[in-house]
Every structure is written in C-alpha cells, then in structure tokens.
Amino acid sequence: MSITVTQTLDLKGLSCPMPIVKTAQAIKALQSGDVLEALATDPGSVPDFIAWCRSTGNELMEQTKEADVFRFVIRKR
C-alpha cells in the first residue's frame, strides 16, 4: 500500500513536549484523512506520539527509526 504524505514536519533537535506541540498545531490545518509525516530525534517522542495518537483518535500508520531519526506517519481522523 502506497501512502501519500500531505505534509512533513522536521522536528529534529526538539525536546519534549515540542514535537507533539508542533504536530498538534500542524494537524489542525489538515483535512480529515490527510497524512502527516513527523521526523524527530528525541527518544521520548516514541511513547509521546503513541499516547497522543491514542488520545486524539488520529491513526499512527507507521513508526520507524533510521539512524537517530524517528519517523511517524499519522493519518488525521
């Protein structure tokens, strides 16, 4: 299945809670069904994104790590 990313956020170098704060701001501007890609380097962002998606109802479609960068692909509810 091919995923079309609507917007990419570069959150590298930001510490908690900024990756989630910036993601929450950005996703408000998207339409339902749009896909946001977030790139972060804070290891704490992994549980943060999982919890945030669960609490907001947005779908965490993918979560990967390459080198020191965590990649989250989120579909807006």
PDB file of N, CA and C in Angstrom:
ATOM      1  N   MET A   1       0.835  -1.175   0.000  1.00  0.00           N
ATOM      2  CA  MET A   1       0.000   0.000   0.000  1.00  0.00           C
ATOM      3  C   MET A   1       0.883   1.242   0.000  1.00  0.00           C
ATOM      4  N   SER A   2       0.632   2.129  -0.909  1.00  0.00           N
ATOM      5  CA  SER A   2       1.387   3.369  -1.014  1.00  0.00           C
ATOM      6  C   SER A   2       0.700   4.458  -0.196  1.00  0.00           C
ATOM      7  N   ILE A   3       1.491   5.175   0.589  1.00  0.00           N
ATOM      8  CA  ILE A   3       0.958   6.251   1.427  1.00  0.00           C
ATOM      9  C   ILE A   3       1.410   7.579   0.840  1.00  0.00           C
ATOM     10  N   THR A   4       0.457   8.482   0.630  1.00  0.00           N
ATOM     11  CA  THR A   4       0.779   9.812   0.137  1.00  0.00           C
ATOM     12  C   THR A   4       0.809  10.762   1.323  1.00  0.00           C
ATOM     13  N   VAL A   5       1.995  11.302   1.587  1.00  0.00           N
ATOM     14  CA  VAL A   5       2.171  12.223   2.702  1.00  0.00           C
ATOM     15  C   VAL A   5       1.754  13.617   2.268  1.00  0.00           C
ATOM     16  N   THR A   6       0.870  14.239   3.047  1.00  0.00           N
ATOM     17  CA  THR A   6       0.372  15.581   2.763  1.00  0.00           C
ATOM     18  C   THR A   6       1.369  16.633   3.222  1.00  0.00           C
ATOM     19  N   GLN A   7       1.983  16.418   4.394  1.00  0.00           N
ATOM     20  CA  GLN A   7       2.914  17.390   4.967  1.00  0.00           C
ATOM     21  C   GLN A   7       3.972  16.663   5.772  1.00  0.00           C
ATOM     22  N   THR A   8       5.205  17.187   5.738  1.00  0.00           N
ATOM     23  CA  THR A   8       6.302  16.645   6.538  1.00  0.00           C
ATOM     24  C   THR A   8       6.756  17.706   7.529  1.00  0.00           C
ATOM     25  N   LEU A   9       6.900  17.297   8.782  1.00  0.00           N
ATOM     26  CA  LEU A   9       7.407  18.186   9.823  1.00  0.00           C
ATOM     27  C   LEU A   9       8.800  17.738  10.224  1.00  0.00           C
ATOM     28  N   ASP A  10       9.755  18.659  10.201  1.00  0.00           N
ATOM     29  CA  ASP A  10      11.106  18.374  10.671  1.00  0.00           C
ATOM     30  C   ASP A  10      11.189  18.827  12.123  1.00  0.00           C
ATOM     31  N   LEU A  11      11.128  17.879  13.032  1.00  0.00           N
ATOM     32  CA  LEU A  11      11.142  18.162  14.462  1.00  0.00           C
ATOM     33  C   LEU A  11      12.469  17.753  15.094  1.00  0.00           C
ATOM     34  N   LYS A  12      13.463  17.493  14.253  1.00  0.00           N
ATOM     35  CA  LYS A  12      14.758  17.033  14.745  1.00  0.00           C
ATOM     36  C   LYS A  12      15.405  18.114  15.618  1.00  0.00           C
ATOM     37  N   GLY A  13      15.954  17.668  16.729  1.00  0.00           N
ATOM     38  CA  GLY A  13      16.619  18.586  17.644  1.00  0.00           C
ATOM     39  C   GLY A  13      15.699  19.161  18.715  1.00  0.00           C
ATOM     40  N   LEU A  14      14.398  18.942  18.584  1.00  0.00           N
ATOM     41  CA  LEU A  14      13.446  19.455  19.575  1.00  0.00           C
ATOM     42  C   LEU A  14      13.237  18.424  20.681  1.00  0.00           C
ATOM     43  N   SER A  15      13.072  18.911  21.903  1.00  0.00           N
ATOM     44  CA  SER A  15      12.830  18.034  23.043  1.00  0.00           C
ATOM     45  C   SER A  15      11.376  18.118  23.472  1.00  0.00           C
ATOM     46  N   CYS A  16      10.963  17.110  24.228  1.00  0.00           N
ATOM     47  CA  CYS A  16       9.605  17.049  24.757  1.00  0.00           C
ATOM     48  C   CYS A  16       9.286  18.349  25.494  1.00  0.00           C
ATOM     49  N   PRO A  17       8.149  18.924  25.291  1.00  0.00           N
ATOM     50  CA  PRO A  17       6.977  18.440  24.570  1.00  0.00           C
ATOM     51  C   PRO A  17       6.848  19.006  23.160  1.00  0.00           C
ATOM     52  N   MET A  18       7.871  19.702  22.660  1.00  0.00           N
ATOM     53  CA  MET A  18       7.752  20.443  21.407  1.00  0.00           C
ATOM     54  C   MET A  18       7.385  19.589  20.187  1.00  0.00           C
ATOM     55  N   PRO A  19       7.911  18.369  20.007  1.00  0.00           N
ATOM     56  CA  PRO A  19       7.474  17.588  18.837  1.00  0.00           C
ATOM     57  C   PRO A  19       5.962  17.368  18.795  1.00  0.00           C
ATOM     58  N   ILE A  20       5.357  17.093  19.946  1.00  0.00           N
ATOM     59  CA  ILE A  20       3.911  16.884  19.992  1.00  0.00           C
ATOM     60  C   ILE A  20       3.168  18.204  19.813  1.00  0.00           C
ATOM     61  N   VAL A  21       3.657  19.264  20.441  1.00  0.00           N
ATOM     62  CA  VAL A  21       3.009  20.584  20.325  1.00  0.00           C
ATOM     63  C   VAL A  21       2.972  21.019  18.864  1.00  0.00           C
ATOM     64  N   LYS A  22       4.093  20.910  18.173  1.00  0.00           N
ATOM     65  CA  LYS A  22       4.163  21.334  16.768  1.00  0.00           C
ATOM     66  C   LYS A  22       3.329  20.417  15.867  1.00  0.00           C
ATOM     67  N   THR A  23       3.292  19.130  16.180  1.00  0.00           N
ATOM     68  CA  THR A  23       2.471  18.188  15.419  1.00  0.00           C
ATOM     69  C   THR A  23       0.989  18.522  15.604  1.00  0.00           C
ATOM     70  N   ALA A  24       0.582  18.786  16.828  1.00  0.00           N
ATOM     71  CA  ALA A  24      -0.818  19.123  17.104  1.00  0.00           C
ATOM     72  C   ALA A  24      -1.227  20.391  16.354  1.00  0.00           C
ATOM     73  N   GLN A  25      -0.338  21.383  16.306  1.00  0.00           N
ATOM     74  CA  GLN A  25      -0.626  22.623  15.581  1.00  0.00           C
ATOM     75  C   GLN A  25      -0.765  22.351  14.087  1.00  0.00           C
ATOM     76  N   ALA A  26       0.156  21.574  13.542  1.00  0.00           N
ATOM     77  CA  ALA A  26       0.167  21.315  12.104  1.00  0.00           C
ATOM     78  C   ALA A  26      -1.037  20.487  11.665  1.00  0.00           C
ATOM     79  N   ILE A  27      -1.427  19.515  12.469  1.00  0.00           N
ATOM     80  CA  ILE A  27      -2.505  18.615  12.053  1.00  0.00           C
ATOM     81  C   ILE A  27      -3.854  19.334  12.046  1.00  0.00           C
ATOM     82  N   LYS A  28      -3.980  20.396  12.829  1.00  0.00           N
ATOM     83  CA  LYS A  28      -5.232  21.177  12.835  1.00  0.00           C
ATOM     84  C   LYS A  28      -5.517  21.781  11.463  1.00  0.00           C
ATOM     85  N   ALA A  29      -4.458  22.093  10.711  1.00  0.00           N
ATOM     86  CA  ALA A  29      -4.616  22.727   9.403  1.00  0.00           C
ATOM     87  C   ALA A  29      -4.923  21.728   8.296  1.00  0.00           C
ATOM     88  N   LEU A  30      -4.825  20.427   8.596  1.00  0.00           N
ATOM     89  CA  LEU A  30      -5.052  19.394   7.590  1.00  0.00           C
ATOM     90  C   LEU A  30      -6.513  18.976   7.562  1.00  0.00           C
ATOM     91  N   GLN A  31      -6.887  18.349   6.462  1.00  0.00           N
ATOM     92  CA  GLN A  31      -8.239  17.812   6.302  1.00  0.00           C
ATOM     93  C   GLN A  31      -8.279  16.382   6.856  1.00  0.00           C
ATOM     94  N   SER A  32      -9.465  15.928   7.212  1.00  0.00           N
ATOM     95  CA  SER A  32      -9.630  14.560   7.674  1.00  0.00           C
ATOM     96  C   SER A  32      -9.149  13.597   6.587  1.00  0.00           C
ATOM     97  N   GLY A  33      -8.319  12.634   6.969  1.00  0.00           N
ATOM     98  CA  GLY A  33      -7.775  11.670   6.014  1.00  0.00           C
ATOM     99  C   GLY A  33      -6.399  12.042   5.491  1.00  0.00           C
ATOM    100  N   ASP A  34      -5.988  13.316   5.673  1.00  0.00           N
ATOM    101  CA  ASP A  34      -4.646  13.726   5.252  1.00  0.00           C
ATOM    102  C   ASP A  34      -3.603  13.024   6.112  1.00  0.00           C
ATOM    103  N   VAL A  35      -2.390  12.900   5.563  1.00  0.00           N
ATOM    104  CA  VAL A  35      -1.321  12.174   6.245  1.00  0.00           C
ATOM    105  C   VAL A  35      -0.164  13.115   6.554  1.00  0.00           C
ATOM    106  N   LEU A  36       0.263  13.100   7.805  1.00  0.00           N
ATOM    107  CA  LEU A  36       1.364  13.924   8.283  1.00  0.00           C
ATOM    108  C   LEU A  36       2.546  13.025   8.604  1.00  0.00           C
ATOM    109  N   GLU A  37       3.718  13.416   8.140  1.00  0.00           N
ATOM    110  CA  GLU A  37       4.956  12.708   8.472  1.00  0.00           C
ATOM    111  C   GLU A  37       5.731  13.595   9.435  1.00  0.00           C
ATOM    112  N   ALA A  38       6.121  13.047  10.583  1.00  0.00           N
ATOM    113  CA  ALA A  38       6.890  13.788  11.578  1.00  0.00           C
ATOM    114  C   ALA A  38       8.231  13.097  11.773  1.00  0.00           C
ATOM    115  N   LEU A  39       9.311  13.884  11.709  1.00  0.00           N
ATOM    116  CA  LEU A  39      10.667  13.370  11.894  1.00  0.00           C
ATOM    117  C   LEU A  39      11.236  13.974  13.164  1.00  0.00           C
ATOM    118  N   ALA A  40      11.617  13.132  14.126  1.00  0.00           N
ATOM    119  CA  ALA A  40      12.093  13.613  15.420  1.00  0.00           C
ATOM    120  C   ALA A  40      13.338  12.845  15.845  1.00  0.00           C
ATOM    121  N   THR A  41      14.134  13.466  16.709  1.00  0.00           N
ATOM    122  CA  THR A  41      15.331  12.802  17.232  1.00  0.00           C
ATOM    123  C   THR A  41      15.231  12.504  18.724  1.00  0.00           C
ATOM    124  N   ASP A  42      14.226  13.020  19.393  1.00  0.00           N
ATOM    125  CA  ASP A  42      14.049  12.804  20.827  1.00  0.00           C
ATOM    126  C   ASP A  42      13.483  11.407  21.064  1.00  0.00           C
ATOM    127  N   PRO A  43      14.231  10.520  21.749  1.00  0.00           N
ATOM    128  CA  PRO A  43      13.720   9.173  22.004  1.00  0.00           C
ATOM    129  C   PRO A  43      12.399   9.178  22.771  1.00  0.00           C
ATOM    130  N   GLY A  44      12.162  10.209  23.553  1.00  0.00           N
ATOM    131  CA  GLY A  44      10.911  10.324  24.295  1.00  0.00           C
ATOM    132  C   GLY A  44       9.712  10.558  23.397  1.00  0.00           C
ATOM    133  N   SER A  45       9.981  10.900  22.141  1.00  0.00           N
ATOM    134  CA  SER A  45       8.872  11.147  21.220  1.00  0.00           C
ATOM    135  C   SER A  45       8.134   9.853  20.868  1.00  0.00           C
ATOM    136  N   VAL A  46       8.791   8.723  20.992  1.00  0.00           N
ATOM    137  CA  VAL A  46       8.142   7.449  20.646  1.00  0.00           C
ATOM    138  C   VAL A  46       6.913   7.203  21.532  1.00  0.00           C
ATOM    139  N   PRO A  47       7.070   7.162  22.866  1.00  0.00           N
ATOM    140  CA  PRO A  47       5.861   6.968  23.672  1.00  0.00           C
ATOM    141  C   PRO A  47       4.907   8.165  23.593  1.00  0.00           C
ATOM    142  N   ASP A  48       5.470   9.358  23.396  1.00  0.00           N
ATOM    143  CA  ASP A  48       4.625  10.556  23.294  1.00  0.00           C
ATOM    144  C   ASP A  48       3.687  10.479  22.093  1.00  0.00           C
ATOM    145  N   PHE A  49       4.216  10.110  20.923  1.00  0.00           N
ATOM    146  CA  PHE A  49       3.384  10.027  19.716  1.00  0.00           C
ATOM    147  C   PHE A  49       2.341   8.915  19.839  1.00  0.00           C
ATOM    148  N   ILE A  50       2.730   7.791  20.413  1.00  0.00           N
ATOM    149  CA  ILE A  50       1.785   6.690  20.602  1.00  0.00           C
ATOM    150  C   ILE A  50       0.633   7.153  21.492  1.00  0.00           C
ATOM    151  N   ALA A  51       0.952   7.772  22.617  1.00  0.00           N
ATOM    152  CA  ALA A  51      -0.083   8.242  23.549  1.00  0.00           C
ATOM    153  C   ALA A  51      -0.920   9.352  22.934  1.00  0.00           C
ATOM    154  N   TRP A  52      -0.289  10.277  22.214  1.00  0.00           N
ATOM    155  CA  TRP A  52      -1.016  11.398  21.611  1.00  0.00           C
ATOM    156  C   TRP A  52      -2.007  10.892  20.562  1.00  0.00           C
ATOM    157  N   CYS A  53      -1.575   9.967  19.722  1.00  0.00           N
ATOM    158  CA  CYS A  53      -2.477   9.417  18.705  1.00  0.00           C
ATOM    159  C   CYS A  53      -3.641   8.688  19.366  1.00  0.00           C
ATOM    160  N   ARG A  54      -3.364   7.931  20.401  1.00  0.00           N
ATOM    161  CA  ARG A  54      -4.416   7.208  21.101  1.00  0.00           C
ATOM    162  C   ARG A  54      -5.424   8.190  21.713  1.00  0.00           C
ATOM    163  N   SER A  55      -4.938   9.269  22.306  1.00  0.00           N
ATOM    164  CA  SER A  55      -5.844  10.205  22.987  1.00  0.00           C
ATOM    165  C   SER A  55      -6.609  11.111  22.024  1.00  0.00           C
ATOM    166  N   THR A  56      -6.043  11.360  20.831  1.00  0.00           N
ATOM    167  CA  THR A  56      -6.708  12.255  19.874  1.00  0.00           C
ATOM    168  C   THR A  56      -7.539  11.516  18.837  1.00  0.00           C
ATOM    169  N   GLY A  57      -7.310  10.216  18.702  1.00  0.00           N
ATOM    170  CA  GLY A  57      -8.040   9.447  17.709  1.00  0.00           C
ATOM    171  C   GLY A  57      -7.395   9.460  16.333  1.00  0.00           C
ATOM    172  N   ASN A  58      -6.260  10.153  16.191  1.00  0.00           N
ATOM    173  CA  ASN A  58      -5.530  10.121  14.923  1.00  0.00           C
ATOM    174  C   ASN A  58      -4.816   8.780  14.810  1.00  0.00           C
ATOM    175  N   GLU A  59      -4.642   8.297  13.583  1.00  0.00           N
ATOM    176  CA  GLU A  59      -4.079   6.962  13.363  1.00  0.00           C
ATOM    177  C   GLU A  59      -2.570   7.018  13.144  1.00  0.00           C
ATOM    178  N   LEU A  60      -1.824   6.324  14.006  1.00  0.00           N
ATOM    179  CA  LEU A  60      -0.383   6.181  13.813  1.00  0.00           C
ATOM    180  C   LEU A  60      -0.192   5.033  12.824  1.00  0.00           C
ATOM    181  N   MET A  61       0.026   5.391  11.543  1.00  0.00           N
ATOM    182  CA  MET A  61       0.092   4.397  10.471  1.00  0.00           C
ATOM    183  C   MET A  61       1.430   3.687  10.422  1.00  0.00           C
ATOM    184  N   GLU A  62       2.498   4.430  10.692  1.00  0.00           N
ATOM    185  CA  GLU A  62       3.850   3.867  10.655  1.00  0.00           C
ATOM    186  C   GLU A  62       4.693   4.524  11.725  1.00  0.00           C
ATOM    187  N   GLN A  63       5.631   3.740  12.254  1.00  0.00           N
ATOM    188  CA  GLN A  63       6.624   4.267  13.183  1.00  0.00           C
ATOM    189  C   GLN A  63       7.919   3.532  12.885  1.00  0.00           C
ATOM    190  N   THR A  64       8.935   4.268  12.439  1.00  0.00           N
ATOM    191  CA  THR A  64      10.207   3.643  12.104  1.00  0.00           C
ATOM    192  C   THR A  64      11.353   4.475  12.682  1.00  0.00           C
ATOM    193  N   LYS A  65      12.529   3.881  12.683  1.00  0.00           N
ATOM    194  CA  LYS A  65      13.737   4.580  13.123  1.00  0.00           C
ATOM    195  C   LYS A  65      14.842   4.283  12.130  1.00  0.00           C
ATOM    196  N   GLU A  66      15.491   5.334  11.655  1.00  0.00           N
ATOM    197  CA  GLU A  66      16.647   5.184  10.765  1.00  0.00           C
ATOM    198  C   GLU A  66      17.747   6.069  11.308  1.00  0.00           C
ATOM    199  N   ALA A  67      18.878   5.454  11.662  1.00  0.00           N
ATOM    200  CA  ALA A  67      19.972   6.142  12.350  1.00  0.00           C
ATOM    201  C   ALA A  67      19.395   6.716  13.647  1.00  0.00           C
ATOM    202  N   ASP A  68      19.472   8.016  13.845  1.00  0.00           N
ATOM    203  CA  ASP A  68      18.954   8.626  15.074  1.00  0.00           C
ATOM    204  C   ASP A  68      17.637   9.356  14.858  1.00  0.00           C
ATOM    205  N   VAL A  69      16.966   9.088  13.740  1.00  0.00           N
ATOM    206  CA  VAL A  69      15.733   9.806  13.416  1.00  0.00           C
ATOM    207  C   VAL A  69      14.532   8.865  13.505  1.00  0.00           C
ATOM    208  N   PHE A  70      13.567   9.286  14.305  1.00  0.00           N
ATOM    209  CA  PHE A  70      12.306   8.560  14.433  1.00  0.00           C
ATOM    210  C   PHE A  70      11.325   9.160  13.438  1.00  0.00           C
ATOM    211  N   ARG A  71      10.623   8.302  12.700  1.00  0.00           N
ATOM    212  CA  ARG A  71       9.664   8.751  11.683  1.00  0.00           C
ATOM    213  C   ARG A  71       8.281   8.252  12.087  1.00  0.00           C
ATOM    214  N   PHE A  72       7.340   9.172  12.151  1.00  0.00           N
ATOM    215  CA  PHE A  72       5.956   8.861  12.486  1.00  0.00           C
ATOM    216  C   PHE A  72       5.073   9.300  11.329  1.00  0.00           C
ATOM    217  N   VAL A  73       4.210   8.415  10.884  1.00  0.00           N
ATOM    218  CA  VAL A  73       3.270   8.729   9.811  1.00  0.00           C
ATOM    219  C   VAL A  73       1.870   8.645  10.433  1.00  0.00           C
ATOM    220  N   ILE A  74       1.169   9.777  10.423  1.00  0.00           N
ATOM    221  CA  ILE A  74      -0.102   9.905  11.141  1.00  0.00           C
ATOM    222  C   ILE A  74      -1.198  10.342  10.179  1.00  0.00           C
ATOM    223  N   ARG A  75      -2.314   9.615  10.203  1.00  0.00           N
ATOM    224  CA  ARG A  75      -3.488   9.998   9.405  1.00  0.00           C
ATOM    225  C   ARG A  75      -4.461  10.745  10.325  1.00  0.00           C
ATOM    226  N   LYS A  76      -4.850  11.951   9.877  1.00  0.00           N
ATOM    227  CA  LYS A  76      -5.779  12.741  10.666  1.00  0.00           C
ATOM    228  C   LYS A  76      -7.153  12.096  10.639  1.00  0.00           C
ATOM    229  N   ARG A  77      -7.785  12.032  11.789  1.00  0.00           N
ATOM    230  CA  ARG A  77      -9.132  11.446  11.903  1.00  0.00           C
ATOM    231  C   ARG A  77     -10.170  12.369  11.300  1.00  0.00           C
TER     232      ARG A  77
END
